[in-house]
Protein backbone atom coordinates (compact mmCIF):
# COMPACT_ATOMS: atom_id res chain seq x y z
CA MET A 1 7.75 15.08 22.21
CA THR A 2 6.51 14.77 18.67
CA ASP A 3 3.40 16.13 16.90
CA VAL A 4 2.79 12.93 14.99
CA PRO A 5 2.17 9.25 15.94
CA PRO A 6 4.89 6.69 15.41
CA SER A 7 5.75 6.28 11.78
CA PHE A 8 4.41 2.82 11.46
CA ALA A 9 2.85 0.03 13.54
CA PHE A 10 2.99 -3.70 13.36
CA LEU A 11 -0.20 -5.11 14.78
CA PRO A 12 -0.33 -8.72 15.81
CA GLY A 13 -2.57 -11.47 14.61
CA ASP A 14 -2.96 -14.97 15.45
CA ALA A 15 0.24 -16.89 16.09
CA ASP A 16 -0.41 -19.49 13.51
CA SER A 17 -1.35 -16.91 10.77
CA PRO A 18 1.17 -16.54 7.92
CA VAL A 19 -0.60 -13.43 6.57
CA ILE A 20 0.39 -9.87 6.72
CA LEU A 21 -1.86 -7.15 5.58
CA HIS A 22 0.32 -4.36 4.54
CA VAL A 23 -1.13 -0.89 4.39
CA PRO A 24 1.46 1.63 3.17
CA HIS A 25 -0.62 4.68 1.90
CA SER A 26 -3.66 5.16 4.05
CA SER A 27 -2.40 8.16 6.18
CA ARG A 28 -2.33 11.87 5.68
CA GLU A 29 0.01 12.56 8.53
CA ILE A 30 3.14 14.75 7.91
CA PRO A 31 5.55 15.75 10.57
CA ALA A 32 6.03 19.53 10.93
CA ASP A 33 9.69 19.47 9.90
CA VAL A 34 8.91 17.43 6.88
CA ARG A 35 5.94 19.70 5.94
CA SER A 36 8.44 22.78 5.86
CA GLY A 37 10.15 21.11 2.95
CA ILE A 38 7.01 20.85 0.78
CA VAL A 39 6.40 24.09 -1.41
CA LEU A 40 2.63 23.71 -1.62
CA ASP A 41 0.43 25.94 0.48
CA ASP A 42 -1.85 24.33 3.05
CA ALA A 43 -4.86 24.25 0.63
CA ALA A 44 -2.93 22.85 -2.27
CA LEU A 45 -1.42 20.15 0.01
CA GLU A 46 -4.72 19.11 1.27
CA ARG A 47 -5.75 18.67 -2.51
CA GLU A 48 -2.62 16.75 -2.96
CA LEU A 49 -3.38 14.47 -0.07
CA ASP A 50 -6.81 13.85 -1.37
CA HIS A 51 -5.41 12.35 -4.49
CA ILE A 52 -2.46 10.60 -3.39
CA THR A 53 -3.72 8.95 -0.18
CA ASP A 54 -5.40 5.45 -0.40
CA ALA A 55 -7.99 6.64 1.96
CA HIS A 56 -9.66 4.30 4.51
CA THR A 57 -7.57 1.32 3.38
CA ALA A 58 -6.46 0.89 6.92
CA SER A 59 -10.14 0.72 7.90
CA VAL A 60 -10.67 -1.94 5.33
CA ALA A 61 -7.75 -3.95 6.64
CA GLU A 62 -8.87 -3.62 10.22
CA ALA A 63 -12.44 -4.68 9.61
CA ALA A 64 -11.17 -7.76 7.47
CA ALA A 65 -8.81 -8.73 10.34
CA ARG A 66 -11.67 -8.57 12.66
CA ALA A 67 -13.91 -10.65 10.41
CA ALA A 68 -11.30 -13.34 9.40
CA GLY A 69 -11.37 -16.68 11.03
CA VAL A 70 -7.72 -16.64 11.55
CA ALA A 71 -6.71 -13.11 12.42
CA PRO A 72 -3.88 -11.83 10.04
CA TRP A 73 -1.00 -9.69 11.18
CA ARG A 74 -1.25 -5.95 10.01
CA PHE A 75 1.64 -3.64 9.21
CA GLU A 76 0.46 -0.08 8.74
CA ASN A 77 2.38 3.15 7.63
CA ARG A 78 1.21 5.92 10.06
CA LEU A 79 2.78 8.74 7.87
CA SER A 80 1.80 10.01 4.48
CA ARG A 81 3.55 8.71 1.46
CA LEU A 82 4.51 12.23 0.90
CA VAL A 83 6.93 11.87 3.72
CA VAL A 84 8.57 8.61 2.16
CA ASP A 85 6.89 5.93 -0.04
CA PRO A 86 8.10 2.74 1.61
CA GLU A 87 7.08 0.69 -1.49
CA ARG A 88 9.40 2.44 -3.91
CA PHE A 89 12.96 1.25 -4.67
CA PRO A 90 15.28 3.68 -2.99
CA ASP A 91 17.68 3.88 -6.00
CA GLY A 92 17.73 4.10 -9.84
CA ARG A 93 15.62 0.91 -10.20
CA GLU A 94 12.45 2.84 -9.46
CA GLU A 95 10.50 3.63 -12.67
CA MET A 96 8.49 6.38 -10.91
CA LEU A 97 11.62 8.53 -10.61
CA SER A 98 10.77 9.55 -14.18
CA VAL A 99 7.65 11.48 -12.77
CA GLY A 100 9.47 12.72 -9.57
CA MET A 101 7.96 9.97 -7.36
CA GLY A 102 10.80 7.81 -6.17
CA ALA A 103 11.10 6.99 -2.55
CA VAL A 104 10.95 10.73 -1.76
CA TYR A 105 8.45 12.67 -4.09
CA THR A 106 9.48 15.85 -5.71
CA ARG A 107 6.39 16.17 -7.91
CA THR A 108 2.64 15.86 -7.33
CA THR A 109 -0.03 13.80 -8.92
CA HIS A 110 -0.63 16.51 -11.41
CA LYS A 111 3.16 16.96 -12.08
CA ASP A 112 3.41 20.10 -10.16
CA VAL A 113 6.56 20.97 -7.88
CA LEU A 114 6.20 19.36 -4.39
CA ARG A 115 9.75 19.89 -3.21
CA PRO A 116 12.33 22.37 -4.59
CA GLY A 117 14.88 21.55 -7.16
CA GLY A 118 17.87 19.93 -5.85
CA PHE A 119 16.10 18.65 -2.67
CA ASP A 120 18.15 16.10 -0.80
CA GLY A 121 15.81 13.20 0.24
CA GLU A 122 18.59 11.06 1.79
CA PRO A 123 17.76 12.27 5.38
CA LEU A 124 14.16 11.31 4.89
CA ILE A 125 15.28 7.96 3.53
CA GLU A 126 17.62 7.41 6.67
CA ARG A 127 14.88 8.76 9.22
CA TYR A 128 11.77 7.04 7.81
CA PHE A 129 12.38 4.63 4.90
CA ARG A 130 15.20 2.44 6.12
CA PRO A 131 13.65 1.92 9.66
CA TYR A 132 10.21 1.03 8.03
CA ALA A 133 11.94 -1.59 5.55
CA ARG A 134 13.86 -3.24 8.50
CA ALA A 135 10.84 -3.62 10.58
CA MET A 136 8.72 -5.00 7.55
CA THR A 137 11.65 -7.48 6.88
CA GLU A 138 11.63 -8.50 10.52
CA ALA A 139 7.79 -9.00 10.36
CA VAL A 140 8.11 -11.27 7.36
CA ALA A 141 10.96 -13.20 9.07
CA GLY A 142 8.76 -13.74 12.03
CA ARG A 143 5.96 -15.24 10.06
CA LEU A 144 8.46 -17.49 8.26
CA ALA A 145 9.88 -18.68 11.61
CA ALA A 146 6.50 -19.28 13.23
CA THR A 147 4.61 -20.78 10.13
CA GLY A 148 7.18 -21.74 7.54
CA ARG A 149 5.80 -19.16 5.04
CA ALA A 150 4.68 -15.59 4.69
CA VAL A 151 1.75 -14.24 2.62
CA ILE A 152 1.80 -10.43 2.14
CA ILE A 153 -1.44 -8.92 0.88
CA ASP A 154 -0.68 -5.28 0.10
CA VAL A 155 -3.87 -3.10 0.45
CA HIS A 156 -4.17 -0.13 -1.83
CA SER A 157 -6.81 1.99 -3.67
CA TYR A 158 -6.59 3.95 -6.80
CA PRO A 159 -8.94 6.81 -8.43
CA SER A 160 -11.61 5.77 -10.94
CA ALA A 161 -10.08 8.50 -13.37
CA PRO A 162 -6.39 8.27 -14.36
CA LEU A 163 -4.30 11.11 -12.80
CA PRO A 164 -1.53 12.84 -14.82
CA TYR A 165 1.42 11.04 -12.82
CA GLU A 166 0.19 7.53 -13.82
CA LEU A 167 2.73 5.82 -16.15
CA HIS A 168 0.07 3.16 -17.30
CA ARG A 169 -3.01 5.13 -17.26
CA ASP A 170 -4.36 3.80 -20.67
CA GLY A 171 -5.27 0.34 -19.74
CA PRO A 172 -8.29 -1.07 -17.94
CA ARG A 173 -9.39 0.21 -14.55
CA PRO A 174 -11.35 -2.61 -12.91
CA GLU A 175 -13.10 -2.46 -9.56
CA ILE A 176 -10.25 -4.67 -8.18
CA CYS A 177 -6.88 -4.57 -9.74
CA LEU A 178 -4.64 -7.44 -8.49
CA GLY A 179 -0.90 -6.80 -8.79
CA THR A 180 1.37 -9.80 -9.24
CA ASP A 181 5.04 -10.74 -9.11
CA SER A 182 6.15 -13.55 -11.40
CA PHE A 183 8.19 -15.26 -8.54
CA HIS A 184 6.13 -14.29 -5.52
CA THR A 185 2.48 -14.64 -6.68
CA PRO A 186 1.72 -18.34 -7.14
CA PRO A 187 -1.49 -19.17 -9.20
CA ALA A 188 -3.42 -20.61 -6.06
CA LEU A 189 -3.05 -16.99 -4.38
CA LEU A 190 -4.40 -15.43 -7.48
CA ASP A 191 -7.15 -17.81 -7.72
CA ALA A 192 -8.29 -17.22 -4.24
CA ALA A 193 -8.16 -13.43 -4.74
CA ARG A 194 -10.36 -13.64 -7.69
CA GLU A 195 -12.81 -15.74 -6.05
CA ALA A 196 -12.89 -13.66 -2.87
CA PHE A 197 -13.38 -10.40 -4.70
CA ALA A 198 -16.08 -11.83 -7.12
CA PRO A 199 -18.71 -10.11 -5.26
CA CYS A 200 -17.14 -6.81 -5.60
CA GLY A 201 -17.22 -6.54 -9.26
CA GLY A 202 -14.68 -7.21 -11.95
CA THR A 203 -10.94 -8.17 -11.12
CA GLY A 204 -8.04 -7.42 -13.53
CA LEU A 205 -4.33 -8.01 -13.45
CA ASP A 206 -1.70 -5.54 -13.28
CA SER A 207 -3.58 -2.47 -14.80
CA PRO A 208 -3.33 0.33 -13.98
CA PHE A 209 -0.82 -0.61 -11.37
CA ALA A 210 1.53 -3.78 -11.58
CA GLY A 211 3.68 -5.69 -9.15
CA THR A 212 3.59 -6.22 -5.42
CA TYR A 213 5.58 -5.44 -2.37
CA VAL A 214 8.33 -7.83 -0.97
CA PRO A 215 11.02 -6.68 1.34
CA LEU A 216 14.37 -6.58 -0.79
CA GLU A 217 15.96 -9.37 1.49
CA PHE A 218 13.43 -11.84 0.25
CA PHE A 219 12.69 -10.30 -3.12
CA GLY A 220 13.33 -12.94 -5.91
CA LYS A 221 15.02 -15.21 -3.40
CA ARG A 222 12.39 -16.83 -1.09
CA ALA A 223 9.40 -18.52 -2.71
CA GLU A 224 7.91 -19.25 0.86
CA VAL A 225 7.20 -15.39 0.75
CA SER A 226 4.17 -15.03 -1.35
CA ALA A 227 2.65 -11.61 -2.16
CA LEU A 228 -0.37 -9.96 -3.99
CA MET A 229 -1.21 -6.20 -4.37
CA VAL A 230 -5.04 -5.39 -3.99
CA GLU A 231 -5.88 -2.14 -5.62
CA ILE A 232 -9.40 -1.18 -4.90
CA ARG A 233 -10.90 1.36 -7.11
CA ARG A 234 -11.96 4.19 -4.95
CA ASP A 235 -15.48 4.83 -6.42
CA THR A 236 -16.39 1.29 -5.08
CA TYR A 237 -16.10 2.26 -1.43
CA MET A 238 -15.71 6.05 -0.92
CA THR A 239 -16.53 9.48 -2.21
CA GLU A 240 -13.66 10.63 -4.38
CA PRO A 241 -11.13 12.25 -4.33
CA GLY A 242 -10.74 12.23 -0.51
CA GLY A 243 -14.21 12.00 1.02
CA ALA A 244 -15.96 9.56 3.23
CA PRO A 245 -16.49 5.85 2.88
CA HIS A 246 -19.78 4.55 1.80
CA GLN A 247 -21.59 1.08 1.92
CA GLY A 248 -19.09 -0.37 -0.41
CA LEU A 249 -16.36 -0.62 2.41
CA PRO A 250 -17.94 -3.46 4.45
CA ARG A 251 -18.39 -5.47 1.44
CA LEU A 252 -14.78 -4.98 0.40
CA ALA A 253 -13.61 -5.87 4.05
CA ALA A 254 -15.63 -8.85 3.86
CA ALA A 255 -13.98 -10.05 0.52
CA LEU A 256 -10.61 -9.34 1.93
CA ALA A 257 -11.38 -11.41 5.04
CA ALA A 258 -12.47 -14.18 2.78
CA LEU A 259 -9.10 -14.01 0.87
CA VAL A 260 -7.24 -14.01 4.33
CA ASP A 261 -9.18 -17.15 5.33
CA ALA A 262 -8.43 -18.77 1.94
CA VAL A 263 -4.67 -18.43 2.18
CA SER A 264 -4.23 -19.01 6.02
CA GLY A 265 -4.87 -22.71 6.11
């Protein structure tokens, strides 16, 4: 028996869809044995989850999938990124290690201690990070085998005001930040995203967050795997820092559905 849902879910779409909506940071769930390794008291942990969770992004992706003409596939992390962050490099390549936010976080969004000094994150990497990475790799391989290509749309959100942990907090904070990769983000995908999200306000590139997620097996190697990160500024669809969604959420879901349809053909 377990006190939490499975750590991730791969939800099928149409057989001929190349699109995977990837939702890595929407959950607040932390297994009890992982919670015991976090030094924050319950109230402080709830405040941290308010700041670090990309709240309601799974709902945005679900609504977009229902509205799309060709239903995309969805890969959702069902655990909090405070368990492991599946989008970090699990080694020294990860720039967020400098603020204690590698694959296993040791510091909070406000740079306070999250886990004790000398904490060994390897058991969490083995238990959660590697199975997630394998499953996402298999998901992308499945779309490649079925359609000849895969389009990963990474669904995130970010706060309207910068948090202390952010490495690039001095740049623009548009309503929609599009994170790109020089190899995996072709111009047509970027153009489609700009057009789809035009009703939601301004779009910008790689500020305050840059890059996009591609499983390492394909990263920099398979151009048939294209990818784009969609970072939604939280005030456009919810009450910050961790409150309820508002009327902006359906508009964003419709825009995401339009992007899915534009890149599915």
